[in-house]
N, C-alpha and C. Protein backbone atom coordinates (compact mmCIF):
# COMPACT_ATOMS: atom_id res chain seq x y z
N MET A 1 108.21 56.81 69.80
CA MET A 1 108.91 57.85 70.30
C MET A 1 108.72 59.35 69.15
N GLN A 2 108.88 60.51 69.98
CA GLN A 2 108.51 61.51 69.33
C GLN A 2 109.59 61.90 67.82
N LYS A 3 109.10 62.47 66.75
CA LYS A 3 110.16 62.90 65.83
C LYS A 3 110.59 64.53 66.21
N VAL A 4 111.81 64.45 66.17
CA VAL A 4 112.41 65.91 66.58
C VAL A 4 112.87 66.22 65.28
N TYR A 5 112.54 67.54 64.89
CA TYR A 5 112.76 68.29 63.66
C TYR A 5 113.97 69.32 64.05
N LEU A 6 115.17 69.34 63.51
CA LEU A 6 116.04 70.16 63.77
C LEU A 6 116.04 71.21 62.60
N ARG A 7 116.33 72.74 62.75
CA ARG A 7 116.22 73.94 62.30
C ARG A 7 117.50 73.77 61.28
N LYS A 8 117.42 73.87 59.89
CA LYS A 8 118.53 73.84 59.58
C LYS A 8 119.40 75.32 59.49
N PRO A 9 120.48 75.67 59.57
CA PRO A 9 121.06 76.69 59.52
C PRO A 9 121.42 77.35 58.61
N ARG A 10 121.18 78.80 58.16
CA ARG A 10 121.36 79.72 56.99
C ARG A 10 123.13 79.84 56.84
N ALA A 11 123.21 79.75 55.38
CA ALA A 11 124.56 79.80 55.01
C ALA A 11 125.33 81.21 56.05
N ALA A 12 126.69 81.06 56.02
CA ALA A 12 126.96 82.08 57.06
C ALA A 12 128.30 82.86 56.24
N THR A 13 128.74 83.75 56.48
CA THR A 13 129.72 84.60 55.68
C THR A 13 131.33 83.75 56.00
N ASN A 14 131.46 83.84 57.38
CA ASN A 14 132.77 83.51 58.30
C ASN A 14 132.28 82.03 59.15
N HIS A 15 133.67 81.39 59.32
CA HIS A 15 133.57 80.23 59.99
C HIS A 15 132.84 80.47 61.48
N GLY A 16 133.01 81.54 62.14
CA GLY A 16 132.55 81.74 63.61
C GLY A 16 131.11 82.01 63.34
N GLN A 17 130.43 82.44 62.50
CA GLN A 17 129.27 82.79 62.38
C GLN A 17 128.79 81.67 62.22
N LYS A 18 129.30 80.72 61.26
CA LYS A 18 128.42 79.86 60.74
C LYS A 18 128.49 78.70 62.21
N GLN A 19 129.64 78.34 62.71
CA GLN A 19 129.62 77.61 63.99
C GLN A 19 128.33 78.04 64.88
N GLN A 20 128.15 79.37 65.25
CA GLN A 20 127.34 79.96 65.98
C GLN A 20 126.03 79.75 65.61
N GLN A 21 126.04 79.90 64.16
CA GLN A 21 124.37 79.52 63.45
C GLN A 21 123.80 77.84 63.70
N GLN A 22 124.97 77.36 63.60
CA GLN A 22 124.69 75.69 63.76
C GLN A 22 124.48 75.29 65.40
N GLN A 23 124.95 75.79 66.31
CA GLN A 23 124.83 75.84 67.93
C GLN A 23 123.34 76.35 68.12
N GLN A 24 122.97 77.59 67.42
CA GLN A 24 121.63 77.96 67.59
C GLN A 24 120.60 77.01 67.26
N ALA A 25 120.92 76.39 66.00
CA ALA A 25 119.82 75.68 65.00
C ALA A 25 119.68 74.58 65.66
N ALA A 26 120.97 73.87 66.09
CA ALA A 26 120.40 72.70 67.03
C ALA A 26 120.00 72.93 68.57
N ALA A 27 120.03 73.98 68.88
CA ALA A 27 119.15 74.52 70.24
C ALA A 27 117.40 74.58 69.85
N ILE A 28 117.22 74.57 68.57
CA ILE A 28 115.71 74.69 68.16
C ILE A 28 115.12 73.23 67.97
N MET A 29 114.38 72.63 68.50
CA MET A 29 113.62 71.49 68.46
C MET A 29 112.32 71.73 67.95
N HIS A 30 111.93 71.06 66.89
CA HIS A 30 110.35 71.12 66.32
C HIS A 30 109.78 69.74 66.83
N PHE A 31 108.56 69.99 67.45
CA PHE A 31 107.54 68.57 67.82
C PHE A 31 106.32 69.20 67.29
N SER A 32 105.64 67.77 66.50
CA SER A 32 104.64 67.55 65.81
C SER A 32 103.67 67.10 66.64
N LEU A 33 103.92 66.23 67.84
CA LEU A 33 103.15 65.68 68.70
C LEU A 33 102.70 64.31 68.24
N GLN A 34 103.22 63.97 67.43
CA GLN A 34 102.37 62.66 66.43
C GLN A 34 101.28 62.85 66.05
N ASP A 35 101.21 64.21 65.38
CA ASP A 35 99.77 64.35 64.57
C ASP A 35 98.99 64.78 65.65
N SER A 36 99.23 64.87 67.05
CA SER A 36 97.97 65.71 68.15
C SER A 36 97.59 66.81 67.62
N LEU A 37 98.49 67.58 66.79
CA LEU A 37 98.39 68.96 66.77
C LEU A 37 97.62 68.72 65.54
N PRO A 38 96.56 69.81 64.86
CA PRO A 38 95.95 69.93 63.66
C PRO A 38 97.15 70.38 62.47
N ALA A 39 96.69 70.06 61.63
CA ALA A 39 98.00 70.25 60.24
C ALA A 39 97.99 71.54 60.37
N GLY A 40 99.74 71.76 59.99
CA GLY A 40 100.08 73.05 60.22
C GLY A 40 100.65 73.48 61.21
N HIS A 41 100.38 72.74 62.31
CA HIS A 41 100.88 73.52 63.84
C HIS A 41 102.02 72.67 64.13
N ILE A 42 102.62 73.25 65.36
CA ILE A 42 104.03 72.71 65.47
C ILE A 42 104.45 73.40 67.33
N LEU A 43 105.04 72.99 67.66
CA LEU A 43 105.99 73.43 68.76
C LEU A 43 107.15 73.62 68.56
N ALA A 44 107.75 74.49 68.68
CA ALA A 44 109.21 74.78 68.14
C ALA A 44 109.77 75.11 69.85
N LEU A 45 110.66 74.39 70.27
CA LEU A 45 111.46 74.69 71.67
C LEU A 45 113.04 74.96 71.27
N ASN A 46 113.06 76.39 72.00
CA ASN A 46 114.42 76.73 71.86
C ASN A 46 115.02 76.28 73.21
N ALA A 47 115.94 75.48 73.43
CA ALA A 47 116.58 75.03 74.43
C ALA A 47 117.48 76.05 74.76
N SER A 48 118.13 77.01 74.11
CA SER A 48 118.80 78.02 74.58
C SER A 48 118.19 79.24 75.57
N PHE A 49 117.12 79.75 74.87
CA PHE A 49 116.49 80.66 75.70
C PHE A 49 115.35 79.95 76.62
N GLY A 50 115.01 78.94 76.68
CA GLY A 50 113.87 78.20 77.28
C GLY A 50 112.73 78.50 76.84
N THR A 51 112.42 79.00 75.75
CA THR A 51 111.01 79.22 75.32
C THR A 51 110.23 78.21 74.31
N LEU A 52 109.15 78.03 74.71
CA LEU A 52 108.38 77.32 73.63
C LEU A 52 107.29 77.94 73.14
N SER A 53 107.16 77.90 71.84
CA SER A 53 106.38 78.54 70.83
C SER A 53 105.62 77.61 70.21
N TYR A 54 104.22 78.20 70.11
CA TYR A 54 103.45 77.18 69.06
C TYR A 54 103.20 78.17 68.15
N LEU A 55 103.43 77.38 66.32
CA LEU A 55 103.45 77.93 65.38
C LEU A 55 102.46 77.41 64.56
N ILE A 56 101.75 78.28 64.05
CA ILE A 56 100.74 77.80 62.95
C ILE A 56 101.26 78.18 61.76
N ALA A 57 101.15 77.37 60.63
CA ALA A 57 101.54 77.67 59.34
C ALA A 57 100.31 78.44 58.31
N ASP A 58 100.34 79.37 57.76
CA ASP A 58 99.40 79.90 57.11
C ASP A 58 99.14 79.28 55.81
N ASP A 59 98.35 79.83 54.93
CA ASP A 59 97.95 78.89 53.57
C ASP A 59 99.17 78.82 52.71
N MET A 60 100.28 79.92 52.56
CA MET A 60 101.82 79.89 52.17
C MET A 60 102.33 79.10 52.41
N GLY A 61 102.42 78.42 53.80
CA GLY A 61 103.12 77.74 54.70
C GLY A 61 103.97 78.41 55.29
N MET A 62 104.02 79.73 55.60
CA MET A 62 105.00 80.63 56.55
C MET A 62 104.37 80.49 57.97
N PRO A 63 105.09 80.23 58.75
CA PRO A 63 104.80 80.03 60.35
C PRO A 63 104.49 81.27 60.90
N HIS A 64 103.33 81.24 61.76
CA HIS A 64 102.95 82.82 62.32
C HIS A 64 103.12 82.09 64.38
N LEU A 65 103.31 82.74 64.85
CA LEU A 65 103.53 82.64 66.48
C LEU A 65 101.99 82.69 66.92
N ALA A 66 101.53 81.97 67.68
CA ALA A 66 100.45 81.78 68.15
C ALA A 66 100.45 82.05 69.75
N ARG A 67 101.38 81.68 70.41
CA ARG A 67 101.71 81.14 71.48
C ARG A 67 103.15 81.28 72.04
N GLN A 68 103.39 81.76 73.12
CA GLN A 68 104.89 81.33 73.62
C GLN A 68 105.01 81.49 74.96
N GLU A 69 105.58 80.59 75.77
CA GLU A 69 105.87 80.61 77.16
C GLU A 69 107.54 80.61 77.25
N GLN A 70 108.04 81.07 78.34
CA GLN A 70 109.20 81.13 78.65
C GLN A 70 109.56 79.94 80.19
N PHE A 71 110.49 79.35 79.93
CA PHE A 71 110.67 78.11 80.84
C PHE A 71 111.96 78.33 81.48
N THR A 72 112.08 78.25 83.01
CA THR A 72 113.46 77.92 83.56
C THR A 72 114.27 76.93 83.64
N ASN A 73 115.28 76.67 83.43
CA ASN A 73 116.33 75.61 83.30
C ASN A 73 115.67 74.27 83.87
N THR A 74 115.20 74.45 85.25
CA THR A 74 114.53 73.72 86.10
C THR A 74 113.53 72.85 85.27
N GLU A 75 112.43 73.80 84.84
CA GLU A 75 111.35 73.64 84.19
C GLU A 75 111.71 72.54 82.65
N MET A 76 112.70 73.00 82.06
CA MET A 76 113.26 72.81 80.66
C MET A 76 113.71 71.23 80.97
N SER A 77 114.41 71.05 82.23
CA SER A 77 114.83 69.72 82.75
C SER A 77 113.47 68.34 82.63
N VAL A 78 112.45 68.86 82.93
CA VAL A 78 111.34 67.87 83.16
C VAL A 78 110.59 67.97 81.99
N LEU A 79 110.31 69.07 81.22
CA LEU A 79 109.63 69.21 80.11
C LEU A 79 110.38 68.23 78.62
N LEU A 80 111.54 68.95 78.51
CA LEU A 80 112.07 68.00 77.54
C LEU A 80 112.02 66.42 76.87
N PRO A 81 112.01 65.64 78.47
CA PRO A 81 111.82 64.36 78.26
C PRO A 81 110.43 64.08 77.88
N MET A 82 109.54 64.76 78.59
CA MET A 82 108.27 64.35 78.13
C MET A 82 107.70 64.47 76.58
N LEU A 83 108.61 65.81 76.32
CA LEU A 83 108.28 66.19 74.58
C LEU A 83 108.78 64.76 74.16
N GLU A 84 110.14 64.61 74.23
CA GLU A 84 110.93 63.60 73.40
C GLU A 84 110.24 62.08 73.50
N LEU A 85 109.32 61.79 74.60
CA LEU A 85 109.08 60.48 74.65
C LEU A 85 107.58 60.63 74.47
N PHE A 86 106.89 61.53 73.82
CA PHE A 86 105.43 61.65 73.50
C PHE A 86 105.09 60.65 72.52
N PRO A 87 104.22 59.80 72.19
CA PRO A 87 102.97 60.11 73.11
C PRO A 87 102.89 58.80 74.13
N TYR A 88 104.27 58.38 74.50
CA TYR A 88 104.35 57.26 75.41
C TYR A 88 104.32 58.32 77.21
N TYR A 89 104.39 57.64 78.15
CA TYR A 89 104.51 58.00 79.27
C TYR A 89 105.62 58.28 79.43
N CYS A 90 106.26 59.24 80.47
CA CYS A 90 107.64 59.33 80.77
C CYS A 90 108.21 58.91 82.30
N PRO A 91 108.85 57.74 82.38
CA PRO A 91 108.90 57.03 83.92
C PRO A 91 109.29 58.22 84.69
N TYR A 92 109.13 57.98 86.26
CA TYR A 92 110.04 58.66 87.27
C TYR A 92 111.34 58.97 87.03
N GLU A 93 112.07 57.64 86.87
CA GLU A 93 113.44 57.44 86.65
C GLU A 93 114.15 58.46 85.56
N VAL A 94 113.19 58.62 84.52
CA VAL A 94 113.69 59.40 83.63
C VAL A 94 113.59 60.64 83.86
N LEU A 95 112.61 61.11 84.27
CA LEU A 95 112.35 62.51 84.89
C LEU A 95 113.47 62.90 85.80
N TYR A 96 113.23 62.16 86.83
CA TYR A 96 114.63 62.27 88.02
C TYR A 96 116.25 62.42 87.30
N ALA A 97 116.50 61.36 86.66
CA ALA A 97 117.89 61.60 85.70
C ALA A 97 117.79 63.05 85.08
N SER A 98 116.97 63.40 84.65
CA SER A 98 117.09 64.61 83.73
C SER A 98 116.87 65.75 84.37
N PHE A 99 116.49 65.57 85.58
CA PHE A 99 116.43 66.84 86.52
C PHE A 99 117.37 67.26 87.33
N TYR A 100 118.02 65.90 87.78
CA TYR A 100 119.49 66.13 88.33
C TYR A 100 120.77 65.96 87.19
N GLY A 101 120.28 65.58 86.09
CA GLY A 101 121.39 65.81 85.17
C GLY A 101 121.32 66.97 84.22
N GLY A 102 120.74 67.87 84.69
CA GLY A 102 121.04 69.24 83.88
C GLY A 102 119.87 69.19 82.51
N GLY A 103 118.88 68.50 82.49
CA GLY A 103 117.94 68.45 81.49
C GLY A 103 118.51 67.26 80.32
N LYS A 104 119.34 66.60 80.20
CA LYS A 104 120.11 65.16 79.89
C LYS A 104 120.36 64.14 80.18
N ALA A 105 120.06 63.10 80.02
CA ALA A 105 119.95 61.69 81.01
C ALA A 105 120.58 61.30 79.91
N THR A 106 121.78 60.27 80.45
CA THR A 106 122.06 59.07 79.80
C THR A 106 121.54 57.83 80.43
N GLU A 107 121.94 56.62 79.57
CA GLU A 107 120.95 55.28 80.17
C GLU A 107 121.65 55.19 81.07
N GLU A 108 123.11 55.18 81.50
CA GLU A 108 123.68 54.61 82.94
C GLU A 108 123.12 55.84 83.53
N GLN A 109 122.83 57.10 83.90
CA GLN A 109 122.07 58.03 84.70
C GLN A 109 120.61 57.50 85.10
N ILE A 110 120.26 56.98 84.09
CA ILE A 110 118.51 56.38 84.11
C ILE A 110 118.65 55.10 84.99
N VAL A 111 119.75 54.35 84.68
CA VAL A 111 119.80 53.48 85.52
C VAL A 111 120.29 53.36 87.04
N GLU A 112 121.17 54.36 87.11
CA GLU A 112 121.42 54.92 88.58
C GLU A 112 120.12 55.26 89.12
N ALA A 113 119.65 56.07 88.65
CA ALA A 113 118.42 57.26 88.98
C ALA A 113 117.07 55.54 89.37
N ARG A 114 117.08 54.75 89.01
CA ARG A 114 116.18 53.91 89.10
C ARG A 114 116.36 53.01 90.18
N GLY A 115 117.63 52.72 90.37
CA GLY A 115 118.13 52.00 91.74
C GLY A 115 117.98 53.03 92.84
N HIS A 116 118.30 54.53 92.78
CA HIS A 116 118.27 55.47 93.87
C HIS A 116 116.67 55.46 94.49
N LEU A 117 115.74 55.55 93.36
CA LEU A 117 114.13 55.68 93.86
C LEU A 117 113.77 54.56 94.27
N ASP A 118 114.31 53.04 93.86
CA ASP A 118 114.10 51.75 94.26
C ASP A 118 114.62 51.83 95.67
N ASP A 119 115.82 52.34 96.02
CA ASP A 119 116.34 52.36 97.72
C ASP A 119 115.41 53.34 98.35
N ALA A 120 114.87 54.41 97.90
CA ALA A 120 114.46 55.50 98.67
C ALA A 120 112.97 55.11 98.73
N MET A 121 112.30 54.12 97.82
CA MET A 121 110.89 52.99 98.53
C MET A 121 111.05 52.54 99.13
N ASP A 122 112.14 51.70 99.22
CA ASP A 122 112.43 50.66 100.53
C ASP A 122 112.54 51.45 101.49
N GLU A 123 113.60 52.72 101.59
CA GLU A 123 113.64 53.45 102.76
C GLU A 123 112.73 54.33 103.27
N GLY A 124 111.21 54.33 102.36
CA GLY A 124 110.17 55.10 102.73
C GLY A 124 110.35 56.67 102.75
N ILE A 125 111.16 57.19 101.79
CA ILE A 125 111.54 58.68 101.57
C ILE A 125 111.41 58.75 99.84
N TRP A 126 110.84 58.08 99.43
CA TRP A 126 110.20 58.26 97.91
C TRP A 126 110.01 59.61 97.46
N ASP A 127 108.62 60.00 98.18
CA ASP A 127 107.83 61.25 98.28
C ASP A 127 109.12 62.59 98.43
N GLN A 128 109.73 62.31 99.47
CA GLN A 128 110.86 63.27 99.82
C GLN A 128 111.84 63.35 98.55
N GLU A 129 112.36 62.35 98.11
CA GLU A 129 113.18 62.49 96.86
C GLU A 129 112.47 62.90 96.09
N MET A 130 111.47 62.78 95.13
CA MET A 130 110.66 63.12 93.95
C MET A 130 110.06 64.66 94.19
N ARG A 131 109.88 65.31 95.37
CA ARG A 131 109.47 66.52 95.83
C ARG A 131 109.85 67.63 94.69
N PRO A 132 111.34 67.88 94.80
CA PRO A 132 111.75 68.47 93.71
C PRO A 132 111.20 68.54 92.37
N VAL A 133 111.25 67.40 91.94
CA VAL A 133 110.96 66.89 90.50
C VAL A 133 109.25 67.12 90.54
N ARG A 134 108.52 66.88 91.49
CA ARG A 134 107.09 67.15 91.46
C ARG A 134 107.00 68.62 91.36
N CYS A 135 107.59 69.76 92.08
CA CYS A 135 107.55 70.65 91.92
C CYS A 135 107.85 71.75 90.74
N ALA A 136 108.95 71.21 90.18
CA ALA A 136 109.37 71.56 88.84
C ALA A 136 108.21 71.34 87.61
N LEU A 137 107.39 70.17 87.92
CA LEU A 137 106.12 69.41 86.89
C LEU A 137 105.02 70.53 87.24
N SER A 138 105.00 70.81 88.46
CA SER A 138 103.75 71.59 88.81
C SER A 138 103.92 73.24 88.47
N ARG A 139 105.07 73.56 88.08
CA ARG A 139 105.22 75.02 87.45
C ARG A 139 105.15 74.51 85.92
N THR A 140 105.65 73.48 85.37
CA THR A 140 105.87 73.46 84.22
C THR A 140 104.47 73.23 83.42
N ARG A 141 103.42 72.48 84.39
CA ARG A 141 102.06 71.86 83.85
C ARG A 141 101.28 73.47 83.60
N LEU A 142 101.45 74.26 84.61
CA LEU A 142 100.49 75.77 84.38
C LEU A 142 101.01 76.33 83.12
N LYS A 143 102.21 76.21 82.74
CA LYS A 143 102.75 76.84 81.71
C LYS A 143 102.36 76.41 80.31
N MET A 144 102.25 74.84 80.56
CA MET A 144 102.04 74.11 79.34
C MET A 144 100.47 74.22 78.89
N ARG A 145 99.67 74.68 79.89
CA ARG A 145 98.04 74.75 80.00
C ARG A 145 97.86 75.98 78.66
N THR A 146 99.00 76.79 78.57
CA THR A 146 98.80 77.69 77.70
C THR A 146 98.71 77.13 76.33
N PHE A 147 99.39 76.15 75.99
CA PHE A 147 99.29 75.47 74.63
C PHE A 147 98.42 74.23 74.56
N ASN A 148 97.11 74.27 75.59
CA ASN A 148 96.32 73.13 75.79
C ASN A 148 96.89 71.98 75.91
N VAL A 149 98.16 71.80 76.57
CA VAL A 149 98.34 70.20 76.87
C VAL A 149 98.61 70.41 78.29
N ASP A 150 98.33 68.86 78.77
CA ASP A 150 98.12 68.99 80.47
C ASP A 150 99.16 67.95 80.47
N ILE A 151 99.76 67.98 81.69
CA ILE A 151 100.65 67.06 82.24
C ILE A 151 100.04 66.28 83.37
N SER A 152 99.90 64.74 83.03
CA SER A 152 98.89 64.10 84.16
C SER A 152 99.87 63.10 84.33
N SER A 153 99.28 62.65 85.87
CA SER A 153 100.25 61.58 86.66
C SER A 153 99.46 60.15 86.60
N ILE A 154 100.71 59.22 86.28
CA ILE A 154 100.19 57.95 85.95
C ILE A 154 100.86 57.28 87.34
N LEU A 155 99.86 56.82 88.17
CA LEU A 155 100.16 55.85 89.45
C LEU A 155 101.34 55.23 89.46
N ALA A 156 102.44 55.38 90.47
CA ALA A 156 103.38 54.49 90.44
C ALA A 156 104.16 54.17 89.05
N THR A 157 104.00 55.14 87.94
CA THR A 157 104.40 54.76 86.76
C THR A 157 105.60 56.02 86.22
N GLY A 158 104.74 57.29 86.15
CA GLY A 158 105.80 58.45 85.82
C GLY A 158 104.56 59.23 85.24
N TYR A 159 104.90 60.05 84.43
CA TYR A 159 103.89 61.30 83.75
C TYR A 159 103.62 61.27 82.57
N ILE A 160 102.72 61.93 81.88
CA ILE A 160 102.37 61.86 80.52
C ILE A 160 101.72 63.20 80.05
N LEU A 161 102.05 63.82 79.11
CA LEU A 161 101.17 64.77 78.11
C LEU A 161 100.14 64.57 77.58
N LEU A 162 98.79 65.37 77.75
CA LEU A 162 97.53 64.92 77.17
C LEU A 162 97.34 66.39 76.42
N ILE A 163 96.83 66.19 75.44
CA ILE A 163 96.44 67.02 74.43
C ILE A 163 95.12 67.42 74.21
N SER A 164 94.62 68.48 74.37
CA SER A 164 93.17 68.93 74.44
C SER A 164 93.19 69.85 72.99
N GLN A 165 92.26 69.12 72.15
CA GLN A 165 92.07 69.58 70.77
C GLN A 165 91.11 70.78 70.59
N PRO A 166 89.98 70.91 70.92
CA PRO A 166 89.11 71.92 70.59
C PRO A 166 89.42 73.42 70.78
N GLU A 167 90.00 73.58 71.90
CA GLU A 167 90.65 75.08 72.09
C GLU A 167 91.57 75.58 71.13
N ILE A 168 92.41 74.40 70.73
CA ILE A 168 93.67 74.81 69.90
C ILE A 168 92.48 75.03 68.37
N GLU A 169 91.57 74.42 67.92
CA GLU A 169 91.24 74.70 66.71
C GLU A 169 90.33 75.94 66.50
N ASP A 170 89.43 76.34 67.91
CA ASP A 170 88.95 77.64 68.00
C ASP A 170 90.11 78.77 67.67
N GLU A 171 91.32 78.77 68.27
CA GLU A 171 92.26 79.84 68.23
C GLU A 171 92.91 79.87 66.68
N THR A 172 92.71 78.48 66.11
CA THR A 172 93.29 78.81 64.61
C THR A 172 91.89 79.90 63.90
N GLU A 173 90.99 79.36 64.15
CA GLU A 173 89.95 79.93 63.69
C GLU A 173 89.73 81.57 63.57
N GLU A 174 90.17 81.89 64.99
CA GLU A 174 90.20 83.27 65.40
C GLU A 174 91.55 84.14 64.51
N TYR A 175 92.43 83.29 64.49
CA TYR A 175 93.91 83.74 63.90
C TYR A 175 93.55 84.11 62.90
N GLU A 176 92.81 83.12 61.56
CA GLU A 176 92.45 83.29 60.44
C GLU A 176 91.80 84.19 60.13
N GLU A 177 90.31 84.44 61.00
CA GLU A 177 89.95 85.88 61.02
C GLU A 177 90.53 87.44 61.11
N THR A 178 91.57 87.14 62.29
CA THR A 178 92.26 88.05 62.39
C THR A 178 93.07 88.64 61.01
N HIS A 179 93.59 87.43 60.47
CA HIS A 179 94.70 87.58 59.42
C HIS A 179 93.88 88.23 58.29
N LYS A 180 92.71 87.80 57.93
CA LYS A 180 91.72 88.18 57.02
C LYS A 180 91.44 89.82 57.11
N LEU A 181 91.18 90.08 58.53
CA LEU A 181 90.85 91.17 58.14
C LEU A 181 91.86 92.20 58.28
N ALA A 182 92.96 92.17 59.25
CA ALA A 182 94.42 92.66 58.79
C ALA A 182 94.44 93.07 57.24
N GLY A 183 94.35 92.11 56.40
CA GLY A 183 94.40 92.06 54.97
C GLY A 183 93.60 93.11 54.50
N SER A 184 92.19 93.04 54.76
CA SER A 184 91.46 94.26 54.15
C SER A 184 91.39 95.09 54.77
N LEU A 185 92.47 95.51 55.70
CA LEU A 185 92.66 96.83 55.91
C LEU A 185 93.74 97.77 55.32
N ARG A 186 94.57 96.71 54.76
CA ARG A 186 95.52 97.28 53.80
C ARG A 186 95.17 98.05 52.78
């Protein structure tokens, strides 16, 4: 299972601000992708705004934004379970339950989705049932390529996230060179 790190809220001056900051902090999840990313790199998902950010920590540990993509609620409903289950595959029934459950699926919903998809398979309408989920995955796949992450189908099983390393490392070197150049201009 993927480790999820939640951001800690800053101290607030009154109760209303404190509660609002706690809600915002809970909406931001950090994914290291089980060390598939280079050291100091992390994905931050802001569920409230639907943004996925690729952050790189510099030598002093300060995060810098390298890439960012905006996802719709529909795309978020299929992206979140895949990030949470990384490095393992995400079964069809989990994606289906999450897609029709607004992004969060309970165990009962997953069991119900499994039964529904089994019935759809028996009736020969499985492709028709999964079409909206596949369309959302297709749009999500295009946006995830920005982060050098691909969504791959596993026949009769589900989907899995695949990470490609070389391009990310090239961008890290490019970022560091730009950072050094900017520092020398000051």
